[in-house]
Protein backbone atom coordinates (compact mmCIF):
# COMPACT_ATOMS: atom_id res chain seq x y z
CA MET A 1 -14.11 -30.11 -25.34
CA ALA A 2 -13.17 -31.07 -28.87
CA GLN A 3 -16.46 -29.76 -30.17
CA SER A 4 -16.30 -27.13 -32.87
CA THR A 5 -18.76 -24.29 -33.05
CA ASP A 6 -19.85 -21.90 -35.75
CA THR A 7 -21.57 -19.47 -33.39
CA ASP A 8 -20.94 -17.90 -30.01
CA GLU A 9 -23.96 -19.77 -28.66
CA GLY A 10 -22.34 -23.18 -28.41
CA ASP A 11 -22.88 -26.15 -30.67
CA ASP A 12 -26.60 -26.34 -30.10
CA GLY A 13 -27.48 -22.69 -30.78
CA PHE A 14 -29.23 -22.42 -27.42
CA PRO A 15 -28.08 -19.18 -25.76
CA PRO A 16 -28.08 -18.53 -21.99
CA GLU A 17 -31.21 -16.36 -22.26
CA LYS A 18 -33.22 -19.33 -23.52
CA ARG A 19 -31.71 -21.76 -21.02
CA LEU A 20 -32.24 -19.55 -17.95
CA GLU A 21 -35.30 -17.43 -18.75
CA ALA A 22 -37.75 -20.26 -19.31
CA PRO A 23 -41.32 -19.82 -18.01
CA ASN A 24 -41.02 -22.57 -15.41
CA HIS A 25 -38.42 -24.24 -13.20
CA ARG A 26 -38.50 -27.58 -15.04
CA LEU A 27 -37.52 -25.93 -18.31
CA ILE A 28 -34.66 -24.10 -16.58
CA GLU A 29 -33.48 -27.42 -15.11
CA ALA A 30 -33.62 -28.99 -18.57
CA GLY A 31 -31.68 -26.07 -20.02
CA ILE A 32 -28.96 -26.51 -17.43
CA ALA A 33 -28.91 -30.30 -17.78
CA THR A 34 -28.24 -30.00 -21.52
CA ILE A 35 -25.26 -27.65 -21.23
CA PRO A 36 -22.69 -29.43 -23.40
CA ASP A 37 -19.39 -27.84 -22.34
CA MET A 38 -17.60 -25.49 -19.95
CA GLU A 39 -17.68 -22.57 -22.39
CA THR A 40 -21.47 -22.68 -22.55
CA LEU A 41 -21.61 -23.08 -18.77
CA ARG A 42 -19.42 -19.99 -18.28
CA ASP A 43 -21.71 -18.02 -20.60
CA CYS A 44 -24.72 -19.11 -18.54
CA VAL A 45 -23.06 -18.17 -15.24
CA ALA A 46 -22.11 -14.75 -16.63
CA TYR A 47 -25.65 -14.22 -17.90
CA GLU A 48 -27.21 -15.25 -14.59
CA ASN A 49 -24.86 -13.02 -12.60
CA ALA A 50 -25.61 -10.05 -14.84
CA HIS A 51 -29.38 -10.46 -15.03
CA GLN A 52 -31.08 -12.44 -12.28
CA ASN A 53 -28.39 -13.56 -9.84
CA ARG A 54 -30.66 -16.29 -8.42
CA THR A 55 -28.79 -18.34 -5.84
CA PRO A 56 -30.59 -21.66 -6.59
CA ILE A 57 -29.80 -21.35 -10.29
CA LEU A 58 -26.16 -20.46 -9.60
CA LYS A 59 -25.89 -23.49 -7.29
CA ARG A 60 -27.35 -25.73 -10.00
CA LEU A 61 -24.83 -24.30 -12.48
CA GLU A 62 -22.07 -25.04 -9.97
CA ARG A 63 -23.22 -28.67 -9.76
CA LYS A 64 -23.27 -28.84 -13.57
CA ALA A 65 -19.68 -27.54 -13.63
CA ALA A 66 -18.65 -30.36 -11.30
CA GLU A 67 -20.37 -32.88 -13.59
CA LEU A 68 -18.56 -31.50 -16.64
CA ARG A 69 -15.19 -31.54 -14.86
CA GLU A 70 -15.78 -35.14 -13.78
CA ALA A 71 -16.66 -36.13 -17.34
CA GLU A 72 -13.47 -34.44 -18.61
CA ASP A 73 -11.39 -36.32 -16.06
CA GLU A 74 -12.85 -39.63 -17.24
CA GLU A 75 -11.77 -39.00 -20.84
């Protein structure tokens, strides 16, 4: 998590709305797969809880959190 950011949208400028409100499931999966850090993941979870609260998306975000934690542990 040593990445610096100039915006509140993470280092890639891709906010939760764009990651989670894509027109099809594959694009949502790609948006989740490219989450770079826990801060961005937390923003996505908060957005999903506040707007759609879709269980499959929240479960996918949970799996992504586990992947990020595992990657942090390996560093």
